[in-house]
C-alpha atoms as a PDB file:
ATOM      1  CA  MET A   1     230.132 289.630 220.261  1.00  0.00           C
ATOM      2  CA  GLY A   2     229.608 285.953 219.512  1.00  0.00           C
ATOM      3  CA  ARG A   3     226.201 286.640 217.995  1.00  0.00           C
ATOM      4  CA  TRP A   4     227.454 289.586 215.958  1.00  0.00           C
ATOM      5  CA  VAL A   5     230.451 287.687 214.591  1.00  0.00           C
ATOM      6  CA  ALA A   6     228.174 284.780 213.645  1.00  0.00           C
ATOM      7  CA  ALA A   7     225.942 287.255 211.810  1.00  0.00           C
ATOM      8  CA  GLY A   8     228.896 288.443 209.723  1.00  0.00           C
ATOM      9  CA  CYS A   9     229.865 291.597 211.612  1.00  0.00           C
ATOM     10  CA  GLU A  10     233.488 292.727 211.690  1.00  0.00           C
ATOM     11  CA  VAL A  11     234.594 293.214 215.306  1.00  0.00           C
ATOM     12  CA  THR A  12     237.608 295.087 216.673  1.00  0.00           C
ATOM     13  CA  TYR A  13     238.796 295.007 220.282  1.00  0.00           C
ATOM     14  CA  VAL A  14     240.678 298.018 221.669  1.00  0.00           C
ATOM     15  CA  LEU A  15     242.470 297.140 224.925  1.00  0.00           C
ATOM     16  CA  CYS A  16     243.448 300.260 226.841  1.00  0.00           C
ATOM     17  CA  THR A  17     245.679 298.772 229.556  1.00  0.00           C
ATOM     18  CA  ASN A  18     248.213 295.964 229.449  1.00  0.00           C
ATOM     19  CA  GLY A  19     247.053 293.969 232.479  1.00  0.00           C
ATOM     20  CA  GLN A  20     250.455 294.043 234.210  1.00  0.00           C
ATOM     21  CA  ALA A  21     249.183 294.655 237.749  1.00  0.00           C
ATOM     22  CA  GLY A  22     245.949 292.699 238.223  1.00  0.00           C
ATOM     23  CA  THR A  23     247.071 289.553 240.023  1.00  0.00           C
ATOM     24  CA  ALA A  24     247.575 288.095 243.490  1.00  0.00           C
ATOM     25  CA  ASP A  25     250.301 285.742 242.204  1.00  0.00           C
ATOM     26  CA  ARG A  26     253.548 287.080 243.670  1.00  0.00           C
ATOM     27  CA  SER A  27     255.660 284.860 241.449  1.00  0.00           C
ATOM     28  CA  LEU A  28     254.728 286.952 238.392  1.00  0.00           C
ATOM     29  CA  THR A  29     256.599 290.092 237.382  1.00  0.00           C
ATOM     30  CA  SER A  30     254.742 292.930 235.664  1.00  0.00           C
ATOM     31  CA  PRO A  31     256.416 292.350 232.248  1.00  0.00           C
ATOM     32  CA  ALA A  32     255.708 288.608 232.417  1.00  0.00           C
ATOM     33  CA  LEU A  33     252.079 289.196 233.355  1.00  0.00           C
ATOM     34  CA  ALA A  34     251.571 291.772 230.594  1.00  0.00           C
ATOM     35  CA  LYS A  35     252.978 289.322 228.039  1.00  0.00           C
ATOM     36  CA  LYS A  36     250.730 286.555 229.359  1.00  0.00           C
ATOM     37  CA  ARG A  37     247.646 288.775 229.261  1.00  0.00           C
ATOM     38  CA  ALA A  38     248.362 289.798 225.666  1.00  0.00           C
ATOM     39  CA  HIS A  39     248.701 286.142 224.641  1.00  0.00           C
ATOM     40  CA  GLU A  40     245.442 285.218 226.404  1.00  0.00           C
ATOM     41  CA  GLN A  41     243.567 288.120 224.846  1.00  0.00           C
ATOM     42  CA  ARG A  42     244.665 287.192 221.346  1.00  0.00           C
ATOM     43  CA  ALA A  43     243.723 283.560 221.950  1.00  0.00           C
ATOM     44  CA  ALA A  44     240.244 284.539 223.159  1.00  0.00           C
ATOM     45  CA  ALA A  45     239.758 286.987 220.291  1.00  0.00           C
ATOM     46  CA  ASP A  46     240.851 284.408 217.712  1.00  0.00           C
ATOM     47  CA  PHE A  47     238.427 281.890 219.179  1.00  0.00           C
ATOM     48  CA  MET A  48     235.578 284.403 218.947  1.00  0.00           C
ATOM     49  CA  GLY A  49     236.448 285.332 215.358  1.00  0.00           C
ATOM     50  CA  VAL A  50     237.373 288.924 216.218  1.00  0.00           C
ATOM     51  CA  ASN A  51     239.080 290.552 213.235  1.00  0.00           C
ATOM     52  CA  HIS A  52     241.393 293.054 214.939  1.00  0.00           C
ATOM     53  CA  VAL A  53     242.944 293.450 218.392  1.00  0.00           C
ATOM     54  CA  VAL A  54     244.444 296.856 219.206  1.00  0.00           C
ATOM     55  CA  MET A  55     246.540 297.021 222.388  1.00  0.00           C
ATOM     56  CA  LEU A  56     247.279 300.548 223.545  1.00  0.00           C
ATOM     57  CA  GLY A  57     249.540 299.320 226.347  1.00  0.00           C
ATOM     58  CA  TYR A  58     248.791 301.827 229.121  1.00  0.00           C
ATOM     59  CA  PRO A  59     249.846 300.505 232.568  1.00  0.00           C
ATOM     60  CA  ASP A  60     247.158 299.104 234.858  1.00  0.00           C
ATOM     61  CA  GLY A  61     245.805 301.664 237.293  1.00  0.00           C
ATOM     62  CA  GLU A  62     247.387 304.592 235.465  1.00  0.00           C
ATOM     63  CA  LEU A  63     244.794 305.350 232.819  1.00  0.00           C
ATOM     64  CA  GLU A  64     244.080 309.081 232.687  1.00  0.00           C
ATOM     65  CA  ASP A  65     241.707 311.159 230.611  1.00  0.00           C
ATOM     66  CA  THR A  66     244.552 312.769 228.677  1.00  0.00           C
ATOM     67  CA  ARG A  67     244.634 314.161 225.157  1.00  0.00           C
ATOM     68  CA  ALA A  68     247.054 311.392 224.155  1.00  0.00           C
ATOM     69  CA  PHE A  69     244.671 308.658 225.348  1.00  0.00           C
ATOM     70  CA  LEU A  70     241.685 310.385 223.740  1.00  0.00           C
ATOM     71  CA  GLY A  71     243.654 310.600 220.491  1.00  0.00           C
ATOM     72  CA  ASP A  72     244.398 306.864 220.602  1.00  0.00           C
ATOM     73  CA  ILE A  73     240.678 306.086 220.821  1.00  0.00           C
ATOM     74  CA  VAL A  74     239.834 308.588 218.076  1.00  0.00           C
ATOM     75  CA  ARG A  75     242.511 307.012 215.854  1.00  0.00           C
ATOM     76  CA  ALA A  76     241.040 303.532 216.364  1.00  0.00           C
ATOM     77  CA  ILE A  77     237.533 304.784 215.544  1.00  0.00           C
ATOM     78  CA  ARG A  78     238.720 306.524 212.396  1.00  0.00           C
ATOM     79  CA  ARG A  79     240.770 303.525 211.288  1.00  0.00           C
ATOM     80  CA  TYR A  80     238.173 300.782 211.856  1.00  0.00           C
ATOM     81  CA  ARG A  81     235.076 302.977 211.307  1.00  0.00           C
ATOM     82  CA  PRO A  82     232.558 301.130 213.516  1.00  0.00           C
ATOM     83  CA  HIS A  83     228.801 301.477 213.310  1.00  0.00           C
ATOM     84  CA  THR A  84     228.555 300.665 217.041  1.00  0.00           C
ATOM     85  CA  VAL A  85     231.023 301.198 219.890  1.00  0.00           C
ATOM     86  CA  LEU A  86     230.732 299.368 223.223  1.00  0.00           C
ATOM     87  CA  VAL A  87     232.489 300.433 226.429  1.00  0.00           C
ATOM     88  CA  HIS A  88     232.134 300.505 230.220  1.00  0.00           C
ATOM     89  CA  ASP A  89     229.457 302.875 231.533  1.00  0.00           C
ATOM     90  CA  PRO A  90     231.493 305.615 233.255  1.00  0.00           C
ATOM     91  CA  TYR A  91     228.414 306.958 235.036  1.00  0.00           C
ATOM     92  CA  ARG A  92     227.547 303.835 237.000  1.00  0.00           C
ATOM     93  CA  THR A  93     226.921 304.551 240.695  1.00  0.00           C
ATOM     94  CA  LYS A  94     225.703 301.207 242.068  1.00  0.00           C
ATOM     95  CA  GLY A  95     228.508 298.930 243.188  1.00  0.00           C
ATOM     96  CA  PHE A  96     232.246 299.075 242.603  1.00  0.00           C
ATOM     97  CA  GLN A  97     233.848 299.815 239.266  1.00  0.00           C
ATOM     98  CA  HIS A  98     237.538 299.727 238.369  1.00  0.00           C
ATOM     99  CA  ARG A  99     239.000 303.206 237.981  1.00  0.00           C
ATOM    100  CA  ASP A 100     240.506 302.317 234.589  1.00  0.00           C
ATOM    101  CA  HIS A 101     237.045 301.272 233.398  1.00  0.00           C
ATOM    102  CA  ARG A 102     235.608 304.670 234.297  1.00  0.00           C
ATOM    103  CA  LYS A 103     238.436 306.466 232.506  1.00  0.00           C
ATOM    104  CA  ALA A 104     238.024 304.278 229.418  1.00  0.00           C
ATOM    105  CA  GLY A 105     234.292 304.988 229.383  1.00  0.00           C
ATOM    106  CA  ILE A 106     234.734 308.746 229.635  1.00  0.00           C
ATOM    107  CA  ALA A 107     237.447 308.954 226.961  1.00  0.00           C
ATOM    108  CA  THR A 108     235.556 306.689 224.561  1.00  0.00           C
ATOM    109  CA  THR A 109     232.328 308.642 224.985  1.00  0.00           C
ATOM    110  CA  ASP A 110     234.179 311.850 224.126  1.00  0.00           C
ATOM    111  CA  ALA A 111     235.966 310.174 221.209  1.00  0.00           C
ATOM    112  CA  VAL A 112     232.661 309.039 219.697  1.00  0.00           C
ATOM    113  CA  TYR A 113     231.244 312.556 219.951  1.00  0.00           C
ATOM    114  CA  PRO A 114     232.534 314.949 218.857  1.00  0.00           C
ATOM    115  CA  TYR A 115     236.235 314.174 218.379  1.00  0.00           C
ATOM    116  CA  ALA A 116     236.212 311.307 215.845  1.00  0.00           C
ATOM    117  CA  ARG A 117     233.493 313.065 213.858  1.00  0.00           C
ATOM    118  CA  ASP A 118     235.008 316.528 213.414  1.00  0.00           C
ATOM    119  CA  HIS A 119     237.949 316.952 211.056  1.00  0.00           C
ATOM    120  CA  LEU A 120     239.546 319.778 213.008  1.00  0.00           C
ATOM    121  CA  HIS A 121     239.946 317.581 216.097  1.00  0.00           C
ATOM    122  CA  PHE A 122     243.204 315.625 215.834  1.00  0.00           C
ATOM    123  CA  ALA A 123     243.646 317.025 212.335  1.00  0.00           C
ATOM    124  CA  GLU A 124     247.130 315.472 212.138  1.00  0.00           C
ATOM    125  CA  GLN A 125     245.500 312.041 211.891  1.00  0.00           C
ATOM    126  CA  ILE A 126     243.930 313.211 208.646  1.00  0.00           C
ATOM    127  CA  THR A 127     246.851 315.124 207.153  1.00  0.00           C
ATOM    128  CA  GLU A 128     249.648 312.816 208.321  1.00  0.00           C
ATOM    129  CA  ASP A 129     248.039 309.374 208.775  1.00  0.00           C
ATOM    130  CA  GLY A 130     245.530 309.490 205.932  1.00  0.00           C
ATOM    131  CA  LEU A 131     242.561 308.797 208.206  1.00  0.00           C
ATOM    132  CA  GLU A 132     239.150 310.389 207.709  1.00  0.00           C
ATOM    133  CA  PRO A 133     236.557 311.586 210.262  1.00  0.00           C
ATOM    134  CA  HIS A 134     233.951 309.011 211.206  1.00  0.00           C
ATOM    135  CA  LYS A 135     230.437 309.228 212.672  1.00  0.00           C
ATOM    136  CA  VAL A 136     229.652 306.391 215.071  1.00  0.00           C
ATOM    137  CA  ARG A 137     225.944 305.601 214.887  1.00  0.00           C
ATOM    138  CA  GLU A 138     225.445 304.011 218.307  1.00  0.00           C
ATOM    139  CA  LEU A 139     227.318 303.876 221.623  1.00  0.00           C
ATOM    140  CA  TRP A 140     226.493 301.000 223.966  1.00  0.00           C
ATOM    141  CA  TYR A 141     227.485 300.855 227.641  1.00  0.00           C
ATOM    142  CA  TRP A 142     227.861 297.654 229.626  1.00  0.00           C
ATOM    143  CA  GLY A 143     227.922 297.452 233.427  1.00  0.00           C
ATOM    144  CA  MET A 144     225.261 300.154 233.619  1.00  0.00           C
ATOM    145  CA  ASP A 145     222.716 300.699 236.383  1.00  0.00           C
ATOM    146  CA  GLU A 146     219.640 300.965 234.140  1.00  0.00           C
ATOM    147  CA  PRO A 147     219.723 298.906 230.909  1.00  0.00           C
ATOM    148  CA  ASN A 148     217.564 299.688 227.890  1.00  0.00           C
ATOM    149  CA  VAL A 149     218.868 296.955 225.550  1.00  0.00           C
ATOM    150  CA  ILE A 150     218.236 293.267 226.260  1.00  0.00           C
ATOM    151  CA  VAL A 151     220.154 290.776 224.091  1.00  0.00           C
ATOM    152  CA  ASP A 152     219.279 287.079 223.974  1.00  0.00           C
ATOM    153  CA  VAL A 153     222.599 285.202 224.296  1.00  0.00           C
ATOM    154  CA  THR A 154     221.135 281.729 224.803  1.00  0.00           C
ATOM    155  CA  ASP A 155     222.669 280.394 221.588  1.00  0.00           C
ATOM    156  CA  SER A 156     226.100 281.964 222.171  1.00  0.00           C
ATOM    157  CA  ILE A 157     226.737 281.758 225.911  1.00  0.00           C
ATOM    158  CA  ASP A 158     228.718 278.508 225.713  1.00  0.00           C
ATOM    159  CA  ARG A 159     231.029 280.115 223.176  1.00  0.00           C
ATOM    160  CA  GLN A 160     231.382 283.139 225.463  1.00  0.00           C
ATOM    161  CA  ILE A 161     232.393 280.875 228.349  1.00  0.00           C
ATOM    162  CA  ALA A 162     234.908 279.008 226.175  1.00  0.00           C
ATOM    163  CA  ALA A 163     236.506 282.333 225.221  1.00  0.00           C
ATOM    164  CA  LEU A 164     236.508 283.580 228.797  1.00  0.00           C
ATOM    165  CA  VAL A 165     238.397 280.586 230.171  1.00  0.00           C
ATOM    166  CA  ARG A 166     241.225 281.383 227.755  1.00  0.00           C
ATOM    167  CA  HIS A 167     241.996 284.286 230.079  1.00  0.00           C
ATOM    168  CA  GLU A 168     243.599 281.770 232.437  1.00  0.00           C
ATOM    169  CA  SER A 169     245.553 284.274 234.534  1.00  0.00           C
ATOM    170  CA  GLN A 170     242.417 286.319 235.250  1.00  0.00           C
ATOM    171  CA  VAL A 171     239.953 283.554 236.101  1.00  0.00           C
ATOM    172  CA  PRO A 172     241.177 283.250 239.738  1.00  0.00           C
ATOM    173  CA  GLY A 173     240.386 286.945 240.205  1.00  0.00           C
ATOM    174  CA  PHE A 174     236.694 286.276 239.652  1.00  0.00           C
ATOM    175  CA  ASN A 175     236.556 284.718 243.140  1.00  0.00           C
ATOM    176  CA  ILE A 176     234.532 281.690 242.083  1.00  0.00           C
ATOM    177  CA  PRO A 177     233.071 279.890 245.138  1.00  0.00           C
ATOM    178  CA  ALA A 178     234.295 276.393 245.903  1.00  0.00           C
ATOM    179  CA  GLY A 179     232.536 273.772 243.797  1.00  0.00           C
ATOM    180  CA  GLU A 180     231.414 276.301 241.178  1.00  0.00           C
ATOM    181  CA  THR A 181     232.912 277.023 237.742  1.00  0.00           C
ATOM    182  CA  ILE A 182     233.181 280.286 235.841  1.00  0.00           C
ATOM    183  CA  GLY A 183     230.727 278.841 233.322  1.00  0.00           C
ATOM    184  CA  ALA A 184     228.145 278.048 235.977  1.00  0.00           C
ATOM    185  CA  ARG A 185     228.524 281.496 237.495  1.00  0.00           C
ATOM    186  CA  LEU A 186     228.179 283.240 234.138  1.00  0.00           C
ATOM    187  CA  LYS A 187     225.070 281.241 233.255  1.00  0.00           C
ATOM    188  CA  LYS A 188     223.528 281.951 236.663  1.00  0.00           C
ATOM    189  CA  ASN A 189     224.046 285.719 236.246  1.00  0.00           C
ATOM    190  CA  ALA A 190     222.765 285.676 232.658  1.00  0.00           C
ATOM    191  CA  ALA A 191     219.707 283.643 233.684  1.00  0.00           C
ATOM    192  CA  GLU A 192     218.913 286.091 236.492  1.00  0.00           C
ATOM    193  CA  GLN A 193     219.118 288.979 234.022  1.00  0.00           C
ATOM    194  CA  ALA A 194     216.870 287.101 231.567  1.00  0.00           C
ATOM    195  CA  ASN A 195     214.140 286.537 234.152  1.00  0.00           C
ATOM    196  CA  GLY A 196     210.985 288.237 232.883  1.00  0.00           C
ATOM    197  CA  TYR A 197     212.205 288.750 229.324  1.00  0.00           C
ATOM    198  CA  GLY A 198     211.314 285.298 227.993  1.00  0.00           C
ATOM    199  CA  PHE A 199     214.931 284.235 227.357  1.00  0.00           C
ATOM    200  CA  GLN A 200     217.035 281.537 228.963  1.00  0.00           C
ATOM    201  CA  TYR A 201     220.097 283.792 229.100  1.00  0.00           C
ATOM    202  CA  CYS A 202     220.532 287.448 228.235  1.00  0.00           C
ATOM    203  CA  ALA A 203     223.026 290.300 228.373  1.00  0.00           C
ATOM    204  CA  VAL A 204     222.053 293.890 229.132  1.00  0.00           C
ATOM    205  CA  PHE A 205     223.345 297.231 227.875  1.00  0.00           C
ATOM    206  CA  ARG A 206     222.452 300.901 227.726  1.00  0.00           C
ATOM    207  CA  ARG A 207     222.323 302.342 224.219  1.00  0.00           C
ATOM    208  CA  LEU A 208     222.924 305.942 223.208  1.00  0.00           C
ATOM    209  CA  ILE A 209     222.311 307.314 219.733  1.00  0.00           C
ATOM    210  CA  ALA A 210     225.377 309.381 218.888  1.00  0.00           C
ATOM    211  CA  ARG A 211     224.676 312.919 217.748  1.00  0.00           C
ATOM    212  CA  ARG A 212     225.302 313.429 214.049  1.00  0.00           C
END
């Protein structure tokens, strides 16, 4: 995202859940945590130069592949009309993945094709909201098992780390070993991914070309 923003791209974040459950801090109530997470997300997005932040507000752990949720994603695609959409890979099988991430990946994949494209899907968004169908050109997954896109992030990784630490309430959940920082851990992982590609640091994705 840092590289794309620097290149002049307009970026929109769509946050599906409100973050009200993901903590080990028993002093925090769910409403207080959700408010804190929203503030942190906006701060990180502002720092990165992200143009729009859409918060759908679904409760943590309760995301379902419903028509209402699918419609929310379709609406965001039709409103902001992206060339490329990025989301969690819902088909990952190696290692753990948060259930909400899988649900977000499935719904977003369906929203990209065919729902946002075809005018008779969620037709009320067109007739009542004044939105138009939109064809996403590419869908990228992160957290996949087998990447096919390698992105050099050497010049932007420090900015990524600076944005990440703005999510103060979530950093403890990354289980950083004693004596290590989130920045050091991120650089270590990115350097391991870059090994063999000729980069200092890289990020990996799986790209799909959306059907037209």
